[in-house]
PDB file of all heavy atoms in Angstrom:
ATOM      1  N   PRO A   1      75.551-152.077 -88.060  1.00  0.00           N
ATOM      2  CA  PRO A   1      76.570-152.319 -87.022  1.00  0.00           C
ATOM      3  C   PRO A   1      76.728-153.813 -86.735  1.00  0.00           C
ATOM      4  O   PRO A   1      75.837-154.613 -87.018  1.00  0.00           O
ATOM      5  CB  PRO A   1      76.002-151.596 -85.789  1.00  0.00           C
ATOM      6  CG  PRO A   1      74.912-150.721 -86.296  1.00  0.00           C
ATOM      7  CD  PRO A   1      74.389-151.362 -87.527  1.00  0.00           C
ATOM      8  N   THR A   2      77.853-154.151 -86.148  1.00  0.00           N
ATOM      9  CA  THR A   2      78.055-155.511 -85.664  1.00  0.00           C
ATOM     10  C   THR A   2      77.213-155.742 -84.412  1.00  0.00           C
ATOM     11  O   THR A   2      76.632-156.812 -84.231  1.00  0.00           O
ATOM     12  CB  THR A   2      79.539-155.739 -85.317  1.00  0.00           C
ATOM     13  OG1 THR A   2      80.350-155.247 -86.376  1.00  0.00           O
ATOM     14  CG2 THR A   2      79.820-157.212 -85.088  1.00  0.00           C
ATOM     15  N   ILE A   3      77.164-154.728 -83.558  1.00  0.00           N
ATOM     16  CA  ILE A   3      76.429-154.825 -82.301  1.00  0.00           C
ATOM     17  C   ILE A   3      76.000-153.424 -81.877  1.00  0.00           C
ATOM     18  O   ILE A   3      76.703-152.445 -82.123  1.00  0.00           O
ATOM     19  CB  ILE A   3      77.307-155.502 -81.208  1.00  0.00           C
ATOM     20  CG1 ILE A   3      76.504-155.819 -79.952  1.00  0.00           C
ATOM     21  CG2 ILE A   3      78.536-154.652 -80.889  1.00  0.00           C
ATOM     22  CD1 ILE A   3      77.270-156.710 -78.959  1.00  0.00           C
ATOM     23  N   VAL A   4      74.816-153.331 -81.268  1.00  0.00           N
ATOM     24  CA  VAL A   4      74.309-152.057 -80.736  1.00  0.00           C
ATOM     25  C   VAL A   4      74.060-152.237 -79.245  1.00  0.00           C
ATOM     26  O   VAL A   4      73.250-153.069 -78.840  1.00  0.00           O
ATOM     27  CB  VAL A   4      73.011-151.610 -81.434  1.00  0.00           C
ATOM     28  CG1 VAL A   4      72.521-150.281 -80.855  1.00  0.00           C
ATOM     29  CG2 VAL A   4      73.222-151.488 -82.947  1.00  0.00           C
ATOM     30  N   ILE A   5      74.761-151.448 -78.431  1.00  0.00           N
ATOM     31  CA  ILE A   5      74.675-151.548 -76.975  1.00  0.00           C
ATOM     32  C   ILE A   5      73.903-150.336 -76.450  1.00  0.00           C
ATOM     33  O   ILE A   5      74.348-149.199 -76.586  1.00  0.00           O
ATOM     34  CB  ILE A   5      76.073-151.603 -76.341  1.00  0.00           C
ATOM     35  CG1 ILE A   5      76.848-152.815 -76.881  1.00  0.00           C
ATOM     36  CG2 ILE A   5      75.977-151.659 -74.812  1.00  0.00           C
ATOM     37  CD1 ILE A   5      78.311-152.822 -76.504  1.00  0.00           C
ATOM     38  N   ASN A   6      72.764-150.594 -75.853  1.00  0.00           N
ATOM     39  CA  ASN A   6      71.901-149.552 -75.308  1.00  0.00           C
ATOM     40  C   ASN A   6      72.066-149.507 -73.790  1.00  0.00           C
ATOM     41  O   ASN A   6      71.874-150.514 -73.118  1.00  0.00           O
ATOM     42  CB  ASN A   6      70.443-149.837 -75.685  1.00  0.00           C
ATOM     43  CG  ASN A   6      69.473-148.847 -75.077  1.00  0.00           C
ATOM     44  OD1 ASN A   6      69.727-147.646 -75.044  1.00  0.00           O
ATOM     45  ND2 ASN A   6      68.349-149.346 -74.601  1.00  0.00           N
ATOM     46  N   ILE A   7      72.416-148.348 -73.259  1.00  0.00           N
ATOM     47  CA  ILE A   7      72.634-148.207 -71.820  1.00  0.00           C
ATOM     48  C   ILE A   7      71.479-147.428 -71.198  1.00  0.00           C
ATOM     49  O   ILE A   7      71.101-146.352 -71.682  1.00  0.00           O
ATOM     50  CB  ILE A   7      73.969-147.491 -71.527  1.00  0.00           C
ATOM     51  CG1 ILE A   7      75.136-148.264 -72.142  1.00  0.00           C
ATOM     52  CG2 ILE A   7      74.172-147.336 -70.015  1.00  0.00           C
ATOM     53  CD1 ILE A   7      76.470-147.580 -72.004  1.00  0.00           C
ATOM     54  N   GLU A   8      70.920-147.979 -70.126  1.00  0.00           N
ATOM     55  CA  GLU A   8      69.833-147.328 -69.399  1.00  0.00           C
ATOM     56  C   GLU A   8      70.256-147.022 -67.968  1.00  0.00           C
ATOM     57  O   GLU A   8      71.178-147.632 -67.425  1.00  0.00           O
ATOM     58  CB  GLU A   8      68.576-148.206 -69.395  1.00  0.00           C
ATOM     59  CG  GLU A   8      67.953-148.385 -70.762  1.00  0.00           C
ATOM     60  CD  GLU A   8      66.621-149.104 -70.708  1.00  0.00           C
ATOM     61  OE1 GLU A   8      66.262-149.643 -69.632  1.00  0.00           O
ATOM     62  OE2 GLU A   8      65.929-149.134 -71.739  1.00  0.00           O
ATOM     63  N   LEU A   9      69.527-146.066 -67.376  1.00  0.00           N
ATOM     64  CA  LEU A   9      69.812-145.626 -66.008  1.00  0.00           C
ATOM     65  C   LEU A   9      68.507-145.176 -65.388  1.00  0.00           C
ATOM     66  O   LEU A   9      67.647-144.612 -66.078  1.00  0.00           O
ATOM     67  CB  LEU A   9      70.802-144.455 -66.067  1.00  0.00           C
ATOM     68  CG  LEU A   9      71.656-144.128 -64.838  1.00  0.00           C
ATOM     69  CD1 LEU A   9      72.592-145.293 -64.512  1.00  0.00           C
ATOM     70  CD2 LEU A   9      72.473-142.879 -65.113  1.00  0.00           C
ATOM     71  N   ASP A  10      68.329-145.408 -64.084  1.00  0.00           N
ATOM     72  CA  ASP A  10      67.139-144.887 -63.404  1.00  0.00           C
ATOM     73  C   ASP A  10      67.047-143.389 -63.615  1.00  0.00           C
ATOM     74  O   ASP A  10      68.058-142.675 -63.523  1.00  0.00           O
ATOM     75  CB  ASP A  10      67.192-145.206 -61.908  1.00  0.00           C
ATOM     76  CG  ASP A  10      66.757-146.627 -61.599  1.00  0.00           C
ATOM     77  OD1 ASP A  10      66.373-147.357 -62.544  1.00  0.00           O
ATOM     78  OD2 ASP A  10      66.818-147.038 -60.419  1.00  0.00           O
ATOM     79  N   GLU A  11      65.843-142.897 -63.865  1.00  0.00           N
ATOM     80  CA  GLU A  11      65.667-141.508 -64.262  1.00  0.00           C
ATOM     81  C   GLU A  11      66.168-140.487 -63.236  1.00  0.00           C
ATOM     82  O   GLU A  11      66.818-139.506 -63.622  1.00  0.00           O
ATOM     83  CB  GLU A  11      64.200-141.238 -64.596  1.00  0.00           C
ATOM     84  CG  GLU A  11      63.913-139.869 -65.183  1.00  0.00           C
ATOM     85  CD  GLU A  11      64.642-139.587 -66.486  1.00  0.00           C
ATOM     86  OE1 GLU A  11      65.239-140.530 -67.070  1.00  0.00           O
ATOM     87  OE2 GLU A  11      64.631-138.420 -66.927  1.00  0.00           O
ATOM     88  N   PRO A  12      65.914-140.643 -61.939  1.00  0.00           N
ATOM     89  CA  PRO A  12      66.443-139.651 -60.991  1.00  0.00           C
ATOM     90  C   PRO A  12      67.963-139.519 -61.051  1.00  0.00           C
ATOM     91  O   PRO A  12      68.500-138.414 -60.933  1.00  0.00           O
ATOM     92  CB  PRO A  12      65.986-140.189 -59.624  1.00  0.00           C
ATOM     93  CG  PRO A  12      64.775-141.005 -59.929  1.00  0.00           C
ATOM     94  CD  PRO A  12      65.066-141.644 -61.252  1.00  0.00           C
ATOM     95  N   ILE A  13      68.648-140.627 -61.240  1.00  0.00           N
ATOM     96  CA  ILE A  13      70.112-140.590 -61.333  1.00  0.00           C
ATOM     97  C   ILE A  13      70.539-139.909 -62.622  1.00  0.00           C
ATOM     98  O   ILE A  13      71.478-139.103 -62.643  1.00  0.00           O
ATOM     99  CB  ILE A  13      70.693-142.021 -61.251  1.00  0.00           C
ATOM    100  CG1 ILE A  13      70.335-142.670 -59.915  1.00  0.00           C
ATOM    101  CG2 ILE A  13      72.208-142.001 -61.446  1.00  0.00           C
ATOM    102  CD1 ILE A  13      70.740-144.126 -59.803  1.00  0.00           C
ATOM    103  N   ARG A  14      69.845-140.220 -63.713  1.00  0.00           N
ATOM    104  CA  ARG A  14      70.169-139.599 -64.996  1.00  0.00           C
ATOM    105  C   ARG A  14      69.989-138.084 -64.939  1.00  0.00           C
ATOM    106  O   ARG A  14      70.842-137.318 -65.387  1.00  0.00           O
ATOM    107  CB  ARG A  14      69.282-140.191 -66.099  1.00  0.00           C
ATOM    108  CG  ARG A  14      69.687-139.762 -67.513  1.00  0.00           C
ATOM    109  CD  ARG A  14      68.714-140.299 -68.545  1.00  0.00           C
ATOM    110  NE  ARG A  14      67.511-139.499 -68.597  1.00  0.00           N
ATOM    111  CZ  ARG A  14      67.368-138.402 -69.341  1.00  0.00           C
ATOM    112  NH1 ARG A  14      68.369-137.960 -70.083  1.00  0.00           N
ATOM    113  NH2 ARG A  14      66.225-137.743 -69.342  1.00  0.00           N
ATOM    114  N   VAL A  15      68.871-137.643 -64.369  1.00  0.00           N
ATOM    115  CA  VAL A  15      68.591-136.208 -64.266  1.00  0.00           C
ATOM    116  C   VAL A  15      69.625-135.514 -63.388  1.00  0.00           C
ATOM    117  O   VAL A  15      70.089-134.409 -63.705  1.00  0.00           O
ATOM    118  CB  VAL A  15      67.165-135.968 -63.710  1.00  0.00           C
ATOM    119  CG1 VAL A  15      66.946-134.494 -63.402  1.00  0.00           C
ATOM    120  CG2 VAL A  15      66.124-136.460 -64.713  1.00  0.00           C
ATOM    121  N   LYS A  16      70.023-136.168 -62.303  1.00  0.00           N
ATOM    122  CA  LYS A  16      71.046-135.596 -61.418  1.00  0.00           C
ATOM    123  C   LYS A  16      72.352-135.403 -62.172  1.00  0.00           C
ATOM    124  O   LYS A  16      73.031-134.365 -62.027  1.00  0.00           O
ATOM    125  CB  LYS A  16      71.253-136.491 -60.202  1.00  0.00           C
ATOM    126  CG  LYS A  16      72.262-135.929 -59.200  1.00  0.00           C
ATOM    127  CD  LYS A  16      72.423-136.845 -57.996  1.00  0.00           C
ATOM    128  CE  LYS A  16      73.440-136.275 -57.021  1.00  0.00           C
ATOM    129  NZ  LYS A  16      73.635-137.159 -55.843  1.00  0.00           N
ATOM    130  N   ARG A  17      72.706-136.366 -62.984  1.00  0.00           N
ATOM    131  CA  ARG A  17      73.926-136.239 -63.784  1.00  0.00           C
ATOM    132  C   ARG A  17      73.836-135.055 -64.747  1.00  0.00           C
ATOM    133  O   ARG A  17      74.801-134.313 -64.934  1.00  0.00           O
ATOM    134  CB  ARG A  17      74.174-137.526 -64.574  1.00  0.00           C
ATOM    135  CG  ARG A  17      74.656-138.693 -63.739  1.00  0.00           C
ATOM    136  CD  ARG A  17      75.025-139.855 -64.643  1.00  0.00           C
ATOM    137  NE  ARG A  17      75.478-141.015 -63.891  1.00  0.00           N
ATOM    138  CZ  ARG A  17      75.864-142.154 -64.456  1.00  0.00           C
ATOM    139  NH1 ARG A  17      75.857-142.275 -65.771  1.00  0.00           N
ATOM    140  NH2 ARG A  17      76.269-143.159 -63.719  1.00  0.00           N
ATOM    141  N   LEU A  18      72.691-134.891 -65.370  1.00  0.00           N
ATOM    142  CA  LEU A  18      72.506-133.765 -66.293  1.00  0.00           C
ATOM    143  C   LEU A  18      72.634-132.439 -65.560  1.00  0.00           C
ATOM    144  O   LEU A  18      73.242-131.486 -66.060  1.00  0.00           O
ATOM    145  CB  LEU A  18      71.139-133.859 -66.975  1.00  0.00           C
ATOM    146  CG  LEU A  18      70.923-135.035 -67.930  1.00  0.00           C
ATOM    147  CD1 LEU A  18      69.495-135.035 -68.458  1.00  0.00           C
ATOM    148  CD2 LEU A  18      71.918-134.995 -69.086  1.00  0.00           C
ATOM    149  N   GLU A  19      72.055-132.368 -64.374  1.00  0.00           N
ATOM    150  CA  GLU A  19      72.133-131.134 -63.575  1.00  0.00           C
ATOM    151  C   GLU A  19      73.570-130.832 -63.186  1.00  0.00           C
ATOM    152  O   GLU A  19      74.004-129.675 -63.179  1.00  0.00           O
ATOM    153  CB  GLU A  19      71.251-131.269 -62.335  1.00  0.00           C
ATOM    154  CG  GLU A  19      69.759-131.290 -62.642  1.00  0.00           C
ATOM    155  CD  GLU A  19      68.921-131.595 -61.423  1.00  0.00           C
ATOM    156  OE1 GLU A  19      69.494-132.047 -60.396  1.00  0.00           O
ATOM    157  OE2 GLU A  19      67.684-131.413 -61.484  1.00  0.00           O
ATOM    158  N   GLU A  20      74.324-131.867 -62.859  1.00  0.00           N
ATOM    159  CA  GLU A  20      75.723-131.675 -62.459  1.00  0.00           C
ATOM    160  C   GLU A  20      76.588-131.164 -63.609  1.00  0.00           C
ATOM    161  O   GLU A  20      77.598-130.516 -63.393  1.00  0.00           O
ATOM    162  CB  GLU A  20      76.285-132.987 -61.908  1.00  0.00           C
ATOM    163  CG  GLU A  20      75.703-133.366 -60.541  1.00  0.00           C
ATOM    164  CD  GLU A  20      76.126-134.754 -60.092  1.00  0.00           C
ATOM    165  OE1 GLU A  20      76.679-135.510 -60.932  1.00  0.00           O
ATOM    166  OE2 GLU A  20      75.899-135.083 -58.914  1.00  0.00           O
ATOM    167  N   ARG A  21      76.180-131.449 -64.817  1.00  0.00           N
ATOM    168  CA  ARG A  21      76.917-130.950 -65.981  1.00  0.00           C
ATOM    169  C   ARG A  21      76.766-129.439 -66.137  1.00  0.00           C
ATOM    170  O   ARG A  21      77.636-128.769 -66.686  1.00  0.00           O
ATOM    171  CB  ARG A  21      76.416-131.623 -67.259  1.00  0.00           C
ATOM    172  CG  ARG A  21      76.770-133.088 -67.382  1.00  0.00           C
ATOM    173  CD  ARG A  21      76.256-133.621 -68.700  1.00  0.00           C
ATOM    174  NE  ARG A  21      76.463-135.055 -68.854  1.00  0.00           N
ATOM    175  CZ  ARG A  21      76.051-135.751 -69.913  1.00  0.00           C
ATOM    176  NH1 ARG A  21      75.412-135.132 -70.901  1.00  0.00           N
ATOM    177  NH2 ARG A  21      76.285-137.048 -69.980  1.00  0.00           N
ATOM    178  N   GLY A  22      75.630-128.921 -65.677  1.00  0.00           N
ATOM    179  CA  GLY A  22      75.381-127.484 -65.751  1.00  0.00           C
ATOM    180  C   GLY A  22      75.118-126.974 -67.151  1.00  0.00           C
ATOM    181  O   GLY A  22      75.237-125.765 -67.419  1.00  0.00           O
ATOM    182  N   LEU A  23      74.734-127.876 -68.070  1.00  0.00           N
ATOM    183  CA  LEU A  23      74.478-127.468 -69.448  1.00  0.00           C
ATOM    184  C   LEU A  23      73.008-127.119 -69.646  1.00  0.00           C
ATOM    185  O   LEU A  23      72.127-127.668 -68.980  1.00  0.00           O
ATOM    186  CB  LEU A  23      74.866-128.593 -70.413  1.00  0.00           C
ATOM    187  CG  LEU A  23      76.329-129.050 -70.371  1.00  0.00           C
ATOM    188  CD1 LEU A  23      76.532-130.220 -71.325  1.00  0.00           C
ATOM    189  CD2 LEU A  23      77.272-127.903 -70.731  1.00  0.00           C
ATOM    190  N   VAL A  24      72.735-126.209 -70.555  1.00  0.00           N
ATOM    191  CA  VAL A  24      71.361-125.865 -70.904  1.00  0.00           C
ATOM    192  C   VAL A  24      70.811-126.954 -71.814  1.00  0.00           C
ATOM    193  O   VAL A  24      71.399-127.268 -72.852  1.00  0.00           O
ATOM    194  CB  VAL A  24      71.291-124.497 -71.619  1.00  0.00           C
ATOM    195  CG1 VAL A  24      69.856-124.192 -72.029  1.00  0.00           C
ATOM    196  CG2 VAL A  24      71.842-123.404 -70.725  1.00  0.00           C
ATOM    197  N   LEU A  25      69.678-127.548 -71.433  1.00  0.00           N
ATOM    198  CA  LEU A  25      69.092-128.615 -72.225  1.00  0.00           C
ATOM    199  C   LEU A  25      68.332-128.031 -73.406  1.00  0.00           C
ATOM    200  O   LEU A  25      67.642-127.022 -73.276  1.00  0.00           O
ATOM    201  CB  LEU A  25      68.132-129.441 -71.371  1.00  0.00           C
ATOM    202  CG  LEU A  25      68.705-130.095 -70.106  1.00  0.00           C
ATOM    203  CD1 LEU A  25      67.632-130.900 -69.405  1.00  0.00           C
ATOM    204  CD2 LEU A  25      69.903-130.980 -70.435  1.00  0.00           C
ATOM    205  N   ASP A  26      68.439-128.681 -74.569  1.00  0.00           N
ATOM    206  CA  ASP A  26      67.624-128.239 -75.701  1.00  0.00           C
ATOM    207  C   ASP A  26      66.191-128.710 -75.485  1.00  0.00           C
ATOM    208  O   ASP A  26      65.884-129.423 -74.520  1.00  0.00           O
ATOM    209  CB  ASP A  26      68.200-128.729 -77.035  1.00  0.00           C
ATOM    210  CG  ASP A  26      68.186-130.253 -77.177  1.00  0.00           C
ATOM    211  OD1 ASP A  26      67.424-130.927 -76.467  1.00  0.00           O
ATOM    212  OD2 ASP A  26      68.944-130.767 -78.017  1.00  0.00           O
ATOM    213  N   SER A  27      65.284-128.320 -76.367  1.00  0.00           N
ATOM    214  CA  SER A  27      63.866-128.608 -76.170  1.00  0.00           C
ATOM    215  C   SER A  27      63.586-130.106 -76.122  1.00  0.00           C
ATOM    216  O   SER A  27      62.729-130.576 -75.366  1.00  0.00           O
ATOM    217  CB  SER A  27      63.033-127.960 -77.286  1.00  0.00           C
ATOM    218  OG  SER A  27      63.457-128.431 -78.556  1.00  0.00           O
ATOM    219  N   ASN A  28      64.333-130.875 -76.907  1.00  0.00           N
ATOM    220  CA  ASN A  28      64.104-132.316 -76.932  1.00  0.00           C
ATOM    221  C   ASN A  28      64.567-132.962 -75.626  1.00  0.00           C
ATOM    222  O   ASN A  28      63.869-133.819 -75.069  1.00  0.00           O
ATOM    223  CB  ASN A  28      64.842-132.943 -78.116  1.00  0.00           C
ATOM    224  CG  ASN A  28      64.361-134.342 -78.421  1.00  0.00           C
ATOM    225  OD1 ASN A  28      63.261-134.522 -78.930  1.00  0.00           O
ATOM    226  ND2 ASN A  28      65.170-135.340 -78.116  1.00  0.00           N
ATOM    227  N   GLU A  29      65.737-132.542 -75.127  1.00  0.00           N
ATOM    228  CA  GLU A  29      66.230-133.087 -73.862  1.00  0.00           C
ATOM    229  C   GLU A  29      65.329-132.673 -72.701  1.00  0.00           C
ATOM    230  O   GLU A  29      65.109-133.439 -71.762  1.00  0.00           O
ATOM    231  CB  GLU A  29      67.664-132.638 -73.616  1.00  0.00           C
ATOM    232  CG  GLU A  29      68.680-133.240 -74.570  1.00  0.00           C
ATOM    233  CD  GLU A  29      68.739-134.750 -74.491  1.00  0.00           C
ATOM    234  OE1 GLU A  29      68.411-135.310 -73.423  1.00  0.00           O
ATOM    235  OE2 GLU A  29      69.100-135.383 -75.492  1.00  0.00           O
ATOM    236  N   GLN A  30      64.807-131.450 -72.758  1.00  0.00           N
ATOM    237  CA  GLN A  30      63.884-130.986 -71.724  1.00  0.00           C
ATOM    238  C   GLN A  30      62.616-131.830 -71.719  1.00  0.00           C
ATOM    239  O   GLN A  30      62.080-132.171 -70.661  1.00  0.00           O
ATOM    240  CB  GLN A  30      63.531-129.516 -71.955  1.00  0.00           C
ATOM    241  CG  GLN A  30      62.878-128.838 -70.754  1.00  0.00           C
ATOM    242  CD  GLN A  30      63.804-128.746 -69.550  1.00  0.00           C
ATOM    243  OE1 GLN A  30      64.981-128.428 -69.691  1.00  0.00           O
ATOM    244  NE2 GLN A  30      63.279-129.047 -68.373  1.00  0.00           N
ATOM    245  N   LYS A  31      62.157-132.191 -72.906  1.00  0.00           N
ATOM    246  CA  LYS A  31      60.959-133.030 -73.016  1.00  0.00           C
ATOM    247  C   LYS A  31      61.215-134.413 -72.432  1.00  0.00           C
ATOM    248  O   LYS A  31      60.334-134.994 -71.783  1.00  0.00           O
ATOM    249  CB  LYS A  31      60.543-133.133 -74.489  1.00  0.00           C
ATOM    250  CG  LYS A  31      59.208-133.854 -74.731  1.00  0.00           C
ATOM    251  CD  LYS A  31      58.808-133.795 -76.194  1.00  0.00           C
ATOM    252  CE  LYS A  31      57.505-134.527 -76.437  1.00  0.00           C
ATOM    253  NZ  LYS A  31      56.351-133.833 -75.797  1.00  0.00           N
ATOM    254  N   LEU A  32      62.406-134.929 -72.636  1.00  0.00           N
ATOM    255  CA  LEU A  32      62.751-136.230 -72.060  1.00  0.00           C
ATOM    256  C   LEU A  32      62.690-136.208 -70.543  1.00  0.00           C
ATOM    257  O   LEU A  32      62.279-137.186 -69.910  1.00  0.00           O
ATOM    258  CB  LEU A  32      64.156-136.647 -72.510  1.00  0.00           C
ATOM    259  CG  LEU A  32      64.275-137.321 -73.870  1.00  0.00           C
ATOM    260  CD1 LEU A  32      65.736-137.442 -74.268  1.00  0.00           C
ATOM    261  CD2 LEU A  32      63.623-138.694 -73.859  1.00  0.00           C
ATOM    262  N   VAL A  33      63.103-135.102 -69.950  1.00  0.00           N
ATOM    263  CA  VAL A  33      63.088-134.975 -68.498  1.00  0.00           C
ATOM    264  C   VAL A  33      61.665-134.827 -67.973  1.00  0.00           C
ATOM    265  O   VAL A  33      61.284-135.439 -66.966  1.00  0.00           O
ATOM    266  CB  VAL A  33      63.944-133.769 -68.049  1.00  0.00           C
ATOM    267  CG1 VAL A  33      63.764-133.508 -66.557  1.00  0.00           C
ATOM    268  CG2 VAL A  33      65.415-134.023 -68.372  1.00  0.00           C
TER     269      VAL A  33
END
């Protein structure tokens, strides 16, 4: 790539966003949480 942009977020905010989506997390995403 020309450039790679990595975006981070405080974990409580990230988890809240995931919950608001209402999607079932796969095993890898569950492990991240």
